[in-house]
Amino acid sequence: MKQPVEWLQGVRLVDTPGTGDILHKFDRQLQTYLQKADVVVWVMSALAPLSESEQAFLKLAVLPQDFPKLLFAINWMDIIPNDIEAERVLNSIYNKI
């Protein structure tokens, strides 16, 4: 689907495979994208936030790039059953970051 939006001219979004796949094959194309990126939006699952492979990929590939902006988004929060569990998920993420 395409819809021209003037203020998004020149913006390129790159969706990568899951980090388990990436750790085994951190290829040149992904490395090039990371080196040219102005911002990284890291999307993680609330069901398993910042897994060991995600943490390893962040440490090995993302953090060394010293991005001015690194944003974290949490997917699947809507299926967390209550506020107490949601708070637990958020605290777990904060502690890992």
C-alpha atoms as a PDB file:
ATOM      1  CA  MET A   1       0.000   0.000   0.000  1.00  0.00           C
ATOM      2  CA  LYS A   2       1.352   3.416  -0.879  1.00  0.00           C
ATOM      3  CA  GLN A   3       0.149   6.841   0.038  1.00  0.00           C
ATOM      4  CA  PRO A   4       2.311   9.900  -0.631  1.00  0.00           C
ATOM      5  CA  VAL A   5       2.904  11.924   2.523  1.00  0.00           C
ATOM      6  CA  GLU A   6       5.033  15.010   1.996  1.00  0.00           C
ATOM      7  CA  TRP A   7       6.751  15.087   5.393  1.00  0.00           C
ATOM      8  CA  LEU A   8       7.808  11.450   4.963  1.00  0.00           C
ATOM      9  CA  GLN A   9       9.679  12.133   1.720  1.00  0.00           C
ATOM     10  CA  GLY A  10      13.099  10.521   1.985  1.00  0.00           C
ATOM     11  CA  VAL A  11      12.158   8.310   4.955  1.00  0.00           C
ATOM     12  CA  ARG A  12      12.997   4.644   4.545  1.00  0.00           C
ATOM     13  CA  LEU A  13      11.788   2.000   6.970  1.00  0.00           C
ATOM     14  CA  VAL A  14      13.712  -1.255   7.091  1.00  0.00           C
ATOM     15  CA  ASP A  15      12.161  -4.299   8.731  1.00  0.00           C
ATOM     16  CA  THR A  16      14.693  -6.946   9.707  1.00  0.00           C
ATOM     17  CA  PRO A  17      14.224 -10.622  10.599  1.00  0.00           C
ATOM     18  CA  GLY A  18      14.005 -11.641  14.241  1.00  0.00           C
ATOM     19  CA  THR A  19      17.217 -11.302  16.215  1.00  0.00           C
ATOM     20  CA  GLY A  20      17.754 -15.042  16.537  1.00  0.00           C
ATOM     21  CA  ASP A  21      18.146 -15.193  12.772  1.00  0.00           C
ATOM     22  CA  ILE A  22      20.226 -12.017  12.665  1.00  0.00           C
ATOM     23  CA  LEU A  23      22.774 -13.140  15.263  1.00  0.00           C
ATOM     24  CA  HIS A  24      23.682 -16.123  13.143  1.00  0.00           C
ATOM     25  CA  LYS A  25      23.972 -14.056   9.988  1.00  0.00           C
ATOM     26  CA  PHE A  26      24.741 -10.397  10.674  1.00  0.00           C
ATOM     27  CA  ASP A  27      25.152  -9.576   7.018  1.00  0.00           C
ATOM     28  CA  ARG A  28      26.672  -6.573   5.268  1.00  0.00           C
ATOM     29  CA  GLN A  29      23.336  -5.218   4.098  1.00  0.00           C
ATOM     30  CA  LEU A  30      22.008  -4.958   7.645  1.00  0.00           C
ATOM     31  CA  GLN A  31      25.301  -3.492   8.850  1.00  0.00           C
ATOM     32  CA  THR A  32      25.087  -0.863   6.091  1.00  0.00           C
ATOM     33  CA  TYR A  33      21.519   0.023   7.075  1.00  0.00           C
ATOM     34  CA  LEU A  34      22.569   0.426  10.707  1.00  0.00           C
ATOM     35  CA  GLN A  35      25.518   2.634   9.793  1.00  0.00           C
ATOM     36  CA  LYS A  36      23.272   4.937   7.745  1.00  0.00           C
ATOM     37  CA  ALA A  37      20.314   5.014  10.140  1.00  0.00           C
ATOM     38  CA  ASP A  38      19.296   8.203  11.907  1.00  0.00           C
ATOM     39  CA  VAL A  39      17.068   6.362  14.360  1.00  0.00           C
ATOM     40  CA  VAL A  40      16.314   2.791  15.375  1.00  0.00           C
ATOM     41  CA  VAL A  41      12.832   1.752  16.459  1.00  0.00           C
ATOM     42  CA  TRP A  42      13.162  -1.516  18.330  1.00  0.00           C
ATOM     43  CA  VAL A  43       9.877  -3.453  18.465  1.00  0.00           C
ATOM     44  CA  MET A  44       9.696  -6.198  21.071  1.00  0.00           C
ATOM     45  CA  SER A  45       7.017  -8.550  22.301  1.00  0.00           C
ATOM     46  CA  ALA A  46       5.462  -8.008  25.714  1.00  0.00           C
ATOM     47  CA  LEU A  47       5.304 -11.801  25.972  1.00  0.00           C
ATOM     48  CA  ALA A  48       9.107 -12.127  25.950  1.00  0.00           C
ATOM     49  CA  PRO A  49      10.568  -8.619  26.167  1.00  0.00           C
ATOM     50  CA  LEU A  50      14.247  -8.215  25.347  1.00  0.00           C
ATOM     51  CA  SER A  51      15.157 -11.863  25.048  1.00  0.00           C
ATOM     52  CA  GLU A  52      18.790 -12.910  25.358  1.00  0.00           C
ATOM     53  CA  SER A  53      19.213 -12.834  21.576  1.00  0.00           C
ATOM     54  CA  GLU A  54      17.681  -9.338  21.404  1.00  0.00           C
ATOM     55  CA  GLN A  55      19.975  -8.101  24.164  1.00  0.00           C
ATOM     56  CA  ALA A  56      22.992  -9.637  22.427  1.00  0.00           C
ATOM     57  CA  PHE A  57      22.077  -8.045  19.099  1.00  0.00           C
ATOM     58  CA  LEU A  58      21.581  -4.645  20.741  1.00  0.00           C
ATOM     59  CA  LYS A  59      25.000  -4.883  22.411  1.00  0.00           C
ATOM     60  CA  LEU A  60      26.862  -6.221  19.378  1.00  0.00           C
ATOM     61  CA  ALA A  61      25.249  -4.372  16.488  1.00  0.00           C
ATOM     62  CA  VAL A  62      23.075  -1.459  17.577  1.00  0.00           C
ATOM     63  CA  LEU A  63      24.706   0.209  20.587  1.00  0.00           C
ATOM     64  CA  PRO A  64      28.185   0.497  18.996  1.00  0.00           C
ATOM     65  CA  GLN A  65      26.619   2.700  16.302  1.00  0.00           C
ATOM     66  CA  ASP A  66      25.885   5.360  18.976  1.00  0.00           C
ATOM     67  CA  PHE A  67      22.497   6.400  17.577  1.00  0.00           C
ATOM     68  CA  PRO A  68      21.173   9.772  18.668  1.00  0.00           C
ATOM     69  CA  LYS A  69      17.751   8.134  18.932  1.00  0.00           C
ATOM     70  CA  LEU A  70      16.942   4.572  19.972  1.00  0.00           C
ATOM     71  CA  LEU A  71      13.225   4.071  20.499  1.00  0.00           C
ATOM     72  CA  PHE A  72      11.614   1.018  22.037  1.00  0.00           C
ATOM     73  CA  ALA A  73       8.075  -0.081  21.168  1.00  0.00           C
ATOM     74  CA  ILE A  74       6.270  -2.910  22.911  1.00  0.00           C
ATOM     75  CA  ASN A  75       3.971  -5.091  20.845  1.00  0.00           C
ATOM     76  CA  TRP A  76       1.260  -7.343  22.322  1.00  0.00           C
ATOM     77  CA  MET A  77       0.712  -5.172  25.434  1.00  0.00           C
ATOM     78  CA  ASP A  78      -3.015  -5.345  24.762  1.00  0.00           C
ATOM     79  CA  ILE A  79      -3.096  -9.032  25.714  1.00  0.00           C
ATOM     80  CA  ILE A  80      -1.427  -8.515  29.101  1.00  0.00           C
ATOM     81  CA  PRO A  81      -4.282  -9.350  31.494  1.00  0.00           C
ATOM     82  CA  ASN A  82      -4.017  -6.523  34.038  1.00  0.00           C
ATOM     83  CA  ASP A  83      -2.140  -3.418  35.134  1.00  0.00           C
ATOM     84  CA  ILE A  84       0.020  -5.312  37.629  1.00  0.00           C
ATOM     85  CA  GLU A  85       1.319  -7.643  34.911  1.00  0.00           C
ATOM     86  CA  ALA A  86       1.790  -4.707  32.533  1.00  0.00           C
ATOM     87  CA  GLU A  87       3.876  -2.935  35.178  1.00  0.00           C
ATOM     88  CA  ARG A  88       5.935  -6.114  35.635  1.00  0.00           C
ATOM     89  CA  VAL A  89       6.629  -6.245  31.884  1.00  0.00           C
ATOM     90  CA  LEU A  90       7.671  -2.585  31.806  1.00  0.00           C
ATOM     91  CA  ASN A  91       9.921  -2.972  34.858  1.00  0.00           C
ATOM     92  CA  SER A  92      11.562  -6.011  33.287  1.00  0.00           C
ATOM     93  CA  ILE A  93      12.332  -3.989  30.157  1.00  0.00           C
ATOM     94  CA  TYR A  94      13.624  -0.981  32.120  1.00  0.00           C
ATOM     95  CA  ASN A  95      15.950  -3.244  34.115  1.00  0.00           C
ATOM     96  CA  LYS A  96      17.354  -4.803  30.936  1.00  0.00           C
ATOM     97  CA  ILE A  97      17.904  -1.474  29.205  1.00  0.00           C
END
